[in-house]
Amino acid sequence: MANTIDAIPEKTRWEIATKGLTGAYIAISNALKQAAGQKGFDEFNGPLWYKAGKGAKEFASSFGLATGNAGEIENVTHLMAQAAMGPEFVFEVVEATKDRCVGKTTECPWHKRWKEQGLDMDTCGVGHQKWGEGAVESLNPDFTFKLTKNMLHGDSHCEWVVERKK
C-alpha cells in the first residue's frame, strides 16, 4: 500500500487532482445555478475567474516567460491553464502574428466533467471570458481577449482571440 504521495505515479496524481478539482467545481456551479439562475451564476462566477486570471503576470514573471506579443501571451495562458487546471487540455494555435493570435481547445477538463455530470447550463462561458480578460490584461495591457467559440454552446471546440488593441 502507498504510504507517501511519491508512491503514486505523477501522472496518476495529475489525473486525480484534475478530476477532483474540475468535478467539484462543476457540481458546485450547478448547485449555484439552481439557486441563483444562470444570470446570478454568471454575475457571481465572472469576477472570481477574472481575479484568477490576474495571476498570469506573477506566473509569467516567476518562469521568465515573455509577454510582448500575441503569441507569447497565448503561450503563457496555455501554460498557466495546464499548470493550474491539469493536463487534460488539448490546445492548438491556429493563427499567430505579433498582433493577433487565435487559440483553440478540443479537449478540456471542464467540458469533460460537464458532460459526465449531464449538465445543460453554461458553466464556463463567462468564466472563460473573464479568466482570459484578467490574464491578458495582467500580461500586457496593450492586448485584449475574446472568447469566440464555446463547446458548451454546441461548437466543436472553444476558440479565443488575443489581439492588440486598436
N, C-alpha and C. Protein backbone atom coordinates (compact mmCIF):
# COMPACT_ATOMS: atom_id res chain seq x y z
N MET A 1 0.84 -1.19 0.00
CA MET A 1 0.00 0.00 0.00
C MET A 1 0.89 1.25 0.00
N ALA A 2 0.45 2.25 -0.75
CA ALA A 2 1.19 3.50 -0.81
C ALA A 2 1.05 4.24 0.51
N ASN A 3 2.19 4.64 1.06
CA ASN A 3 2.11 5.39 2.32
C ASN A 3 2.72 6.78 2.21
N THR A 4 3.15 7.14 1.00
CA THR A 4 3.59 8.52 0.74
C THR A 4 3.07 8.92 -0.64
N ILE A 5 2.95 10.19 -0.85
CA ILE A 5 2.46 10.69 -2.14
C ILE A 5 3.39 10.27 -3.27
N ASP A 6 4.68 10.13 -2.98
CA ASP A 6 5.64 9.74 -4.02
C ASP A 6 5.43 8.31 -4.52
N ALA A 7 4.71 7.51 -3.77
CA ALA A 7 4.44 6.13 -4.21
C ALA A 7 3.37 6.09 -5.29
N ILE A 8 2.64 7.19 -5.46
CA ILE A 8 1.61 7.27 -6.50
C ILE A 8 2.27 7.93 -7.71
N PRO A 9 2.22 7.31 -8.87
CA PRO A 9 2.86 7.90 -10.05
C PRO A 9 2.36 9.31 -10.32
N GLU A 10 3.28 10.18 -10.77
CA GLU A 10 2.94 11.58 -11.01
C GLU A 10 1.76 11.73 -11.96
N LYS A 11 1.73 10.95 -13.03
CA LYS A 11 0.62 11.03 -13.99
C LYS A 11 -0.71 10.73 -13.31
N THR A 12 -0.72 9.75 -12.44
CA THR A 12 -1.94 9.38 -11.71
C THR A 12 -2.35 10.50 -10.76
N ARG A 13 -1.38 11.11 -10.08
CA ARG A 13 -1.69 12.24 -9.18
C ARG A 13 -2.33 13.38 -9.97
N TRP A 14 -1.77 13.70 -11.16
CA TRP A 14 -2.35 14.75 -12.01
C TRP A 14 -3.79 14.42 -12.37
N GLU A 15 -4.03 13.17 -12.77
CA GLU A 15 -5.38 12.77 -13.17
C GLU A 15 -6.36 12.91 -12.01
N ILE A 16 -5.96 12.45 -10.84
CA ILE A 16 -6.82 12.53 -9.66
C ILE A 16 -7.10 13.99 -9.30
N ALA A 17 -6.06 14.82 -9.28
CA ALA A 17 -6.22 16.23 -8.92
C ALA A 17 -7.12 16.96 -9.92
N THR A 18 -6.89 16.71 -11.21
CA THR A 18 -7.69 17.38 -12.24
C THR A 18 -9.15 16.99 -12.13
N LYS A 19 -9.41 15.71 -12.03
CA LYS A 19 -10.81 15.25 -11.93
C LYS A 19 -11.47 15.75 -10.66
N GLY A 20 -10.74 15.76 -9.55
CA GLY A 20 -11.30 16.26 -8.30
C GLY A 20 -11.64 17.73 -8.35
N LEU A 21 -10.68 18.54 -8.83
CA LEU A 21 -10.89 19.99 -8.92
C LEU A 21 -12.03 20.33 -9.87
N THR A 22 -11.95 19.82 -11.09
CA THR A 22 -12.96 20.21 -12.08
C THR A 22 -14.31 19.58 -11.78
N GLY A 23 -14.31 18.37 -11.27
CA GLY A 23 -15.60 17.74 -10.92
C GLY A 23 -16.31 18.48 -9.80
N ALA A 24 -15.57 18.83 -8.76
CA ALA A 24 -16.17 19.56 -7.64
C ALA A 24 -16.67 20.93 -8.09
N TYR A 25 -15.87 21.63 -8.88
CA TYR A 25 -16.27 22.96 -9.34
C TYR A 25 -17.54 22.89 -10.20
N ILE A 26 -17.60 21.92 -11.09
CA ILE A 26 -18.78 21.80 -11.96
C ILE A 26 -20.02 21.48 -11.12
N ALA A 27 -19.89 20.60 -10.12
CA ALA A 27 -21.03 20.28 -9.25
C ALA A 27 -21.47 21.50 -8.45
N ILE A 28 -20.52 22.25 -7.92
CA ILE A 28 -20.84 23.46 -7.16
C ILE A 28 -21.49 24.49 -8.08
N SER A 29 -20.98 24.61 -9.30
CA SER A 29 -21.56 25.54 -10.27
C SER A 29 -23.02 25.21 -10.54
N ASN A 30 -23.30 23.93 -10.70
CA ASN A 30 -24.68 23.51 -10.94
C ASN A 30 -25.58 23.87 -9.76
N ALA A 31 -25.11 23.63 -8.54
CA ALA A 31 -25.90 23.97 -7.36
C ALA A 31 -26.15 25.48 -7.28
N LEU A 32 -25.13 26.27 -7.57
CA LEU A 32 -25.30 27.72 -7.55
C LEU A 32 -26.26 28.18 -8.64
N LYS A 33 -26.13 27.60 -9.83
CA LYS A 33 -27.05 27.96 -10.92
C LYS A 33 -28.49 27.60 -10.55
N GLN A 34 -28.69 26.44 -9.90
CA GLN A 34 -30.03 26.05 -9.48
C GLN A 34 -30.61 27.05 -8.47
N ALA A 35 -29.75 27.58 -7.60
CA ALA A 35 -30.21 28.52 -6.57
C ALA A 35 -30.37 29.94 -7.10
N ALA A 36 -29.46 30.37 -8.00
CA ALA A 36 -29.44 31.77 -8.40
C ALA A 36 -29.83 32.01 -9.85
N GLY A 37 -30.02 30.94 -10.64
CA GLY A 37 -30.29 31.09 -12.07
C GLY A 37 -29.00 31.34 -12.83
N GLN A 38 -29.07 31.21 -14.15
CA GLN A 38 -27.87 31.38 -14.96
C GLN A 38 -27.29 32.78 -14.83
N LYS A 39 -28.16 33.80 -14.83
CA LYS A 39 -27.68 35.18 -14.73
C LYS A 39 -26.98 35.41 -13.39
N GLY A 40 -27.57 34.94 -12.32
CA GLY A 40 -26.96 35.09 -11.00
C GLY A 40 -25.64 34.33 -10.90
N PHE A 41 -25.61 33.13 -11.48
CA PHE A 41 -24.38 32.35 -11.51
C PHE A 41 -23.29 33.12 -12.25
N ASP A 42 -23.61 33.66 -13.42
CA ASP A 42 -22.63 34.40 -14.21
C ASP A 42 -22.12 35.64 -13.46
N GLU A 43 -23.02 36.35 -12.78
CA GLU A 43 -22.63 37.55 -12.04
C GLU A 43 -21.69 37.21 -10.88
N PHE A 44 -21.90 36.06 -10.28
CA PHE A 44 -21.04 35.61 -9.17
C PHE A 44 -19.72 35.05 -9.70
N ASN A 45 -19.80 34.25 -10.72
CA ASN A 45 -18.68 33.49 -11.25
C ASN A 45 -17.67 34.34 -12.02
N GLY A 46 -18.14 35.26 -12.82
CA GLY A 46 -17.25 36.06 -13.67
C GLY A 46 -16.14 36.76 -12.91
N PRO A 47 -16.46 37.52 -11.86
CA PRO A 47 -15.40 38.22 -11.12
C PRO A 47 -14.39 37.28 -10.46
N LEU A 48 -14.82 36.10 -10.05
CA LEU A 48 -13.88 35.15 -9.46
C LEU A 48 -12.84 34.70 -10.48
N TRP A 49 -13.31 34.36 -11.69
CA TRP A 49 -12.40 33.92 -12.74
C TRP A 49 -11.52 35.06 -13.24
N TYR A 50 -12.05 36.28 -13.27
CA TYR A 50 -11.25 37.44 -13.65
C TYR A 50 -10.07 37.60 -12.70
N LYS A 51 -10.34 37.51 -11.42
CA LYS A 51 -9.29 37.64 -10.40
C LYS A 51 -8.28 36.50 -10.55
N ALA A 52 -8.74 35.30 -10.81
CA ALA A 52 -7.82 34.17 -11.01
C ALA A 52 -6.92 34.42 -12.22
N GLY A 53 -7.47 34.96 -13.29
CA GLY A 53 -6.69 35.26 -14.47
C GLY A 53 -5.60 36.28 -14.21
N LYS A 54 -5.86 37.20 -13.32
CA LYS A 54 -4.89 38.25 -13.00
C LYS A 54 -3.57 37.66 -12.46
N GLY A 55 -3.60 36.43 -11.99
CA GLY A 55 -2.39 35.77 -11.52
C GLY A 55 -1.40 35.44 -12.62
N ALA A 56 -1.79 35.63 -13.87
CA ALA A 56 -0.93 35.30 -15.00
C ALA A 56 0.37 36.11 -14.99
N LYS A 57 0.31 37.35 -14.57
CA LYS A 57 1.52 38.17 -14.57
C LYS A 57 2.57 37.59 -13.64
N GLU A 58 2.17 37.23 -12.44
CA GLU A 58 3.11 36.63 -11.48
C GLU A 58 3.61 35.28 -12.00
N PHE A 59 2.73 34.50 -12.60
CA PHE A 59 3.12 33.21 -13.18
C PHE A 59 4.20 33.42 -14.24
N ALA A 60 3.96 34.34 -15.17
CA ALA A 60 4.92 34.59 -16.25
C ALA A 60 6.25 35.10 -15.69
N SER A 61 6.19 36.00 -14.74
CA SER A 61 7.40 36.55 -14.13
C SER A 61 8.21 35.47 -13.42
N SER A 62 7.51 34.58 -12.73
CA SER A 62 8.18 33.51 -11.98
C SER A 62 9.00 32.59 -12.87
N PHE A 63 8.56 32.42 -14.11
CA PHE A 63 9.23 31.50 -15.01
C PHE A 63 9.96 32.20 -16.16
N GLY A 64 10.04 33.53 -16.09
CA GLY A 64 10.76 34.29 -17.11
C GLY A 64 10.14 34.19 -18.48
N LEU A 65 8.80 34.14 -18.54
CA LEU A 65 8.10 33.98 -19.81
C LEU A 65 7.84 35.34 -20.46
N ALA A 66 8.10 35.44 -21.74
CA ALA A 66 7.89 36.68 -22.49
C ALA A 66 6.40 36.93 -22.73
N THR A 67 6.03 38.21 -22.76
CA THR A 67 4.63 38.60 -22.97
C THR A 67 4.52 39.82 -23.88
N GLY A 68 5.44 39.97 -24.81
CA GLY A 68 5.48 41.16 -25.64
C GLY A 68 4.60 41.14 -26.86
N ASN A 69 4.17 39.95 -27.30
CA ASN A 69 3.30 39.90 -28.48
C ASN A 69 2.18 38.89 -28.25
N ALA A 70 1.27 38.82 -29.18
CA ALA A 70 0.07 37.98 -29.02
C ALA A 70 0.42 36.50 -28.83
N GLY A 71 1.36 35.99 -29.60
CA GLY A 71 1.74 34.58 -29.48
C GLY A 71 2.35 34.26 -28.13
N GLU A 72 3.17 35.16 -27.62
CA GLU A 72 3.77 34.94 -26.30
C GLU A 72 2.72 34.97 -25.21
N ILE A 73 1.77 35.87 -25.32
CA ILE A 73 0.68 35.94 -24.34
C ILE A 73 -0.14 34.66 -24.38
N GLU A 74 -0.46 34.21 -25.57
CA GLU A 74 -1.21 32.96 -25.73
C GLU A 74 -0.46 31.79 -25.10
N ASN A 75 0.84 31.73 -25.31
CA ASN A 75 1.66 30.67 -24.73
C ASN A 75 1.56 30.65 -23.21
N VAL A 76 1.64 31.83 -22.60
CA VAL A 76 1.55 31.91 -21.15
C VAL A 76 0.18 31.43 -20.66
N THR A 77 -0.89 31.83 -21.35
CA THR A 77 -2.23 31.41 -20.90
C THR A 77 -2.38 29.90 -21.01
N HIS A 78 -1.85 29.29 -22.06
CA HIS A 78 -1.91 27.82 -22.18
C HIS A 78 -1.14 27.15 -21.06
N LEU A 79 0.09 27.61 -20.81
CA LEU A 79 0.91 27.01 -19.76
C LEU A 79 0.25 27.16 -18.39
N MET A 80 -0.26 28.35 -18.12
CA MET A 80 -0.88 28.59 -16.82
C MET A 80 -2.13 27.75 -16.64
N ALA A 81 -2.95 27.63 -17.68
CA ALA A 81 -4.15 26.81 -17.58
C ALA A 81 -3.78 25.36 -17.27
N GLN A 82 -2.80 24.83 -17.97
CA GLN A 82 -2.41 23.44 -17.72
C GLN A 82 -1.79 23.27 -16.33
N ALA A 83 -0.97 24.21 -15.91
CA ALA A 83 -0.34 24.12 -14.59
C ALA A 83 -1.37 24.22 -13.47
N ALA A 84 -2.38 25.08 -13.66
CA ALA A 84 -3.37 25.31 -12.60
C ALA A 84 -4.56 24.36 -12.65
N MET A 85 -4.90 23.89 -13.86
CA MET A 85 -6.15 23.13 -14.02
C MET A 85 -5.96 21.74 -14.61
N GLY A 86 -4.73 21.32 -14.80
CA GLY A 86 -4.46 19.95 -15.19
C GLY A 86 -4.16 19.71 -16.65
N PRO A 87 -3.64 18.53 -16.93
CA PRO A 87 -3.12 18.21 -18.26
C PRO A 87 -4.16 17.70 -19.26
N GLU A 88 -5.43 17.72 -18.93
CA GLU A 88 -6.44 17.21 -19.88
C GLU A 88 -6.69 18.16 -21.05
N PHE A 89 -6.18 19.37 -20.98
CA PHE A 89 -6.36 20.31 -22.08
C PHE A 89 -5.60 19.86 -23.33
N VAL A 90 -6.20 20.07 -24.48
CA VAL A 90 -5.50 19.95 -25.76
C VAL A 90 -5.66 21.30 -26.43
N PHE A 91 -4.55 22.05 -26.47
CA PHE A 91 -4.53 23.39 -27.05
C PHE A 91 -3.86 23.37 -28.41
N GLU A 92 -4.26 24.30 -29.25
CA GLU A 92 -3.64 24.47 -30.55
C GLU A 92 -3.70 25.95 -30.91
N VAL A 93 -2.64 26.45 -31.50
CA VAL A 93 -2.63 27.82 -32.03
C VAL A 93 -2.94 27.69 -33.51
N VAL A 94 -4.01 28.35 -33.94
CA VAL A 94 -4.42 28.24 -35.35
C VAL A 94 -4.02 29.46 -36.18
N GLU A 95 -3.64 30.53 -35.51
CA GLU A 95 -3.16 31.73 -36.21
C GLU A 95 -2.28 32.48 -35.23
N ALA A 96 -1.13 32.97 -35.70
CA ALA A 96 -0.26 33.72 -34.81
C ALA A 96 0.55 34.75 -35.58
N THR A 97 0.36 35.99 -35.19
CA THR A 97 1.21 37.09 -35.62
C THR A 97 1.57 37.85 -34.36
N LYS A 98 2.40 38.88 -34.48
CA LYS A 98 2.77 39.62 -33.28
C LYS A 98 1.59 40.39 -32.69
N ASP A 99 0.56 40.67 -33.52
CA ASP A 99 -0.58 41.46 -33.07
C ASP A 99 -1.85 40.65 -32.81
N ARG A 100 -1.88 39.40 -33.27
CA ARG A 100 -3.11 38.61 -33.14
C ARG A 100 -2.75 37.13 -33.06
N CYS A 101 -3.42 36.45 -32.14
CA CYS A 101 -3.22 35.01 -32.00
C CYS A 101 -4.57 34.37 -31.73
N VAL A 102 -4.89 33.33 -32.47
CA VAL A 102 -6.14 32.59 -32.28
C VAL A 102 -5.78 31.22 -31.73
N GLY A 103 -6.36 30.90 -30.59
CA GLY A 103 -6.12 29.61 -29.97
C GLY A 103 -7.41 28.82 -29.87
N LYS A 104 -7.26 27.50 -29.79
CA LYS A 104 -8.45 26.68 -29.62
C LYS A 104 -8.12 25.48 -28.75
N THR A 105 -9.15 24.92 -28.17
CA THR A 105 -9.01 23.68 -27.43
C THR A 105 -10.11 22.73 -27.87
N THR A 106 -9.72 21.49 -28.07
CA THR A 106 -10.69 20.45 -28.45
C THR A 106 -10.95 19.50 -27.30
N GLU A 107 -10.11 19.53 -26.29
CA GLU A 107 -10.32 18.73 -25.08
C GLU A 107 -10.06 19.60 -23.87
N CYS A 108 -10.96 19.50 -22.91
CA CYS A 108 -10.92 20.39 -21.75
C CYS A 108 -11.47 19.64 -20.53
N PRO A 109 -10.79 19.71 -19.38
CA PRO A 109 -11.30 19.02 -18.20
C PRO A 109 -12.66 19.55 -17.74
N TRP A 110 -12.89 20.85 -17.91
CA TRP A 110 -14.18 21.43 -17.50
C TRP A 110 -15.31 20.87 -18.37
N HIS A 111 -15.07 20.81 -19.67
CA HIS A 111 -16.07 20.27 -20.59
C HIS A 111 -16.31 18.80 -20.31
N LYS A 112 -15.26 18.03 -20.02
CA LYS A 112 -15.41 16.60 -19.71
C LYS A 112 -16.28 16.39 -18.48
N ARG A 113 -16.02 17.16 -17.41
CA ARG A 113 -16.83 17.00 -16.19
C ARG A 113 -18.27 17.44 -16.43
N TRP A 114 -18.46 18.49 -17.23
CA TRP A 114 -19.79 18.97 -17.58
C TRP A 114 -20.57 17.85 -18.26
N LYS A 115 -19.95 17.17 -19.22
CA LYS A 115 -20.62 16.07 -19.92
C LYS A 115 -20.86 14.89 -18.97
N GLU A 116 -19.87 14.56 -18.15
CA GLU A 116 -20.01 13.44 -17.21
C GLU A 116 -21.16 13.66 -16.25
N GLN A 117 -21.37 14.92 -15.86
CA GLN A 117 -22.45 15.22 -14.90
C GLN A 117 -23.78 15.50 -15.60
N GLY A 118 -23.80 15.47 -16.92
CA GLY A 118 -25.03 15.62 -17.68
C GLY A 118 -25.70 16.98 -17.54
N LEU A 119 -24.92 18.03 -17.47
CA LEU A 119 -25.49 19.36 -17.26
C LEU A 119 -25.88 20.01 -18.58
N ASP A 120 -26.81 20.95 -18.50
CA ASP A 120 -27.21 21.71 -19.68
C ASP A 120 -26.99 23.21 -19.48
N MET A 121 -26.36 23.59 -18.38
CA MET A 121 -26.10 25.00 -18.11
C MET A 121 -24.76 25.42 -18.71
N ASP A 122 -24.53 26.70 -18.81
CA ASP A 122 -23.26 27.22 -19.29
C ASP A 122 -22.38 27.46 -18.07
N THR A 123 -21.55 26.46 -17.75
CA THR A 123 -20.70 26.57 -16.57
C THR A 123 -19.46 27.42 -16.79
N CYS A 124 -19.05 27.61 -18.06
CA CYS A 124 -17.75 28.26 -18.23
C CYS A 124 -17.70 29.38 -19.26
N GLY A 125 -18.77 29.75 -19.92
CA GLY A 125 -18.68 30.83 -20.91
C GLY A 125 -18.21 32.13 -20.31
N VAL A 126 -18.89 32.62 -19.29
CA VAL A 126 -18.50 33.86 -18.63
C VAL A 126 -17.17 33.67 -17.91
N GLY A 127 -17.00 32.53 -17.26
CA GLY A 127 -15.75 32.27 -16.55
C GLY A 127 -14.54 32.27 -17.47
N HIS A 128 -14.66 31.60 -18.62
CA HIS A 128 -13.55 31.55 -19.57
C HIS A 128 -13.25 32.95 -20.11
N GLN A 129 -14.28 33.69 -20.46
CA GLN A 129 -14.07 35.04 -20.96
C GLN A 129 -13.38 35.90 -19.90
N LYS A 130 -13.87 35.86 -18.70
CA LYS A 130 -13.32 36.72 -17.64
C LYS A 130 -11.91 36.28 -17.23
N TRP A 131 -11.64 34.96 -17.20
CA TRP A 131 -10.29 34.49 -16.89
C TRP A 131 -9.32 35.00 -17.97
N GLY A 132 -9.72 34.87 -19.22
CA GLY A 132 -8.88 35.35 -20.32
C GLY A 132 -8.65 36.84 -20.25
N GLU A 133 -9.70 37.61 -19.97
CA GLU A 133 -9.55 39.06 -19.84
C GLU A 133 -8.56 39.40 -18.74
N GLY A 134 -8.74 38.78 -17.58
CA GLY A 134 -7.84 39.07 -16.46
C GLY A 134 -6.40 38.69 -16.77
N ALA A 135 -6.22 37.52 -17.38
CA ALA A 135 -4.87 37.06 -17.70
C ALA A 135 -4.20 37.98 -18.72
N VAL A 136 -4.89 38.26 -19.80
CA VAL A 136 -4.29 39.07 -20.87
C VAL A 136 -4.02 40.49 -20.40
N GLU A 137 -4.96 41.09 -19.68
CA GLU A 137 -4.74 42.44 -19.15
C GLU A 137 -3.53 42.49 -18.24
N SER A 138 -3.35 41.46 -17.41
CA SER A 138 -2.22 41.46 -16.49
C SER A 138 -0.89 41.21 -17.21
N LEU A 139 -0.92 40.42 -18.27
CA LEU A 139 0.30 40.10 -19.01
C LEU A 139 0.77 41.25 -19.88
N ASN A 140 -0.18 41.90 -20.54
CA ASN A 140 0.17 43.01 -21.42
C ASN A 140 -1.10 43.82 -21.70
N PRO A 141 -1.26 44.97 -21.07
CA PRO A 141 -2.49 45.75 -21.21
C PRO A 141 -2.71 46.31 -22.61
N ASP A 142 -1.78 46.11 -23.51
CA ASP A 142 -1.97 46.54 -24.90
C ASP A 142 -2.78 45.53 -25.71
N PHE A 143 -3.18 44.42 -25.08
CA PHE A 143 -3.90 43.35 -25.78
C PHE A 143 -5.25 43.07 -25.13
N THR A 144 -6.14 42.46 -25.91
CA THR A 144 -7.47 42.06 -25.43
C THR A 144 -7.65 40.56 -25.63
N PHE A 145 -8.68 40.02 -24.98
CA PHE A 145 -9.03 38.60 -25.07
C PHE A 145 -10.51 38.51 -25.40
N LYS A 146 -10.86 37.64 -26.34
CA LYS A 146 -12.27 37.44 -26.70
C LYS A 146 -12.52 35.97 -26.96
N LEU A 147 -13.44 35.39 -26.21
CA LEU A 147 -13.89 34.02 -26.43
C LEU A 147 -14.85 34.05 -27.62
N THR A 148 -14.54 33.31 -28.68
CA THR A 148 -15.34 33.37 -29.90
C THR A 148 -16.13 32.10 -30.18
N LYS A 149 -15.73 30.98 -29.60
CA LYS A 149 -16.47 29.72 -29.73
C LYS A 149 -16.44 29.01 -28.40
N ASN A 150 -17.50 28.21 -28.15
CA ASN A 150 -17.64 27.56 -26.85
C ASN A 150 -18.28 26.19 -27.06
N MET A 151 -17.60 25.14 -26.63
CA MET A 151 -18.14 23.78 -26.77
C MET A 151 -19.48 23.62 -26.06
N LEU A 152 -19.67 24.36 -24.97
CA LEU A 152 -20.94 24.24 -24.24
C LEU A 152 -22.10 24.86 -25.00
N HIS A 153 -21.78 25.64 -26.03
CA HIS A 153 -22.81 26.23 -26.89
C HIS A 153 -22.99 25.43 -28.17
N GLY A 154 -22.36 24.26 -28.24
CA GLY A 154 -22.50 23.40 -29.41
C GLY A 154 -21.38 23.48 -30.43
N ASP A 155 -20.41 24.36 -30.21
CA ASP A 155 -19.27 24.44 -31.12
C ASP A 155 -18.40 23.19 -30.96
N SER A 156 -17.66 22.83 -32.01
CA SER A 156 -16.80 21.64 -31.96
C SER A 156 -15.58 21.85 -31.08
N HIS A 157 -15.27 23.11 -30.77
CA HIS A 157 -14.13 23.44 -29.93
C HIS A 157 -14.34 24.83 -29.33
N CYS A 158 -13.56 25.14 -28.32
CA CYS A 158 -13.54 26.51 -27.80
C CYS A 158 -12.45 27.25 -28.56
N GLU A 159 -12.68 28.52 -28.81
CA GLU A 159 -11.73 29.33 -29.54
C GLU A 159 -11.72 30.73 -28.95
N TRP A 160 -10.55 31.36 -28.97
CA TRP A 160 -10.42 32.71 -28.44
C TRP A 160 -9.36 33.45 -29.23
N VAL A 161 -9.44 34.76 -29.13
CA VAL A 161 -8.54 35.63 -29.87
C VAL A 161 -7.84 36.56 -28.89
N VAL A 162 -6.52 36.59 -28.94
CA VAL A 162 -5.71 37.58 -28.22
C VAL A 162 -5.26 38.56 -29.29
N GLU A 163 -5.61 39.84 -29.08
CA GLU A 163 -5.36 40.80 -30.15
C GLU A 163 -4.89 42.15 -29.57
N ARG A 164 -3.99 42.77 -30.30
CA ARG A 164 -3.51 44.10 -29.89
C ARG A 164 -4.67 45.09 -29.99
N LYS A 165 -4.79 45.95 -28.98
CA LYS A 165 -5.82 46.99 -29.02
C LYS A 165 -5.57 47.92 -30.17
N LYS A 166 -6.68 48.36 -30.78
CA LYS A 166 -6.56 49.26 -31.94
C LYS A 166 -6.71 50.69 -31.55
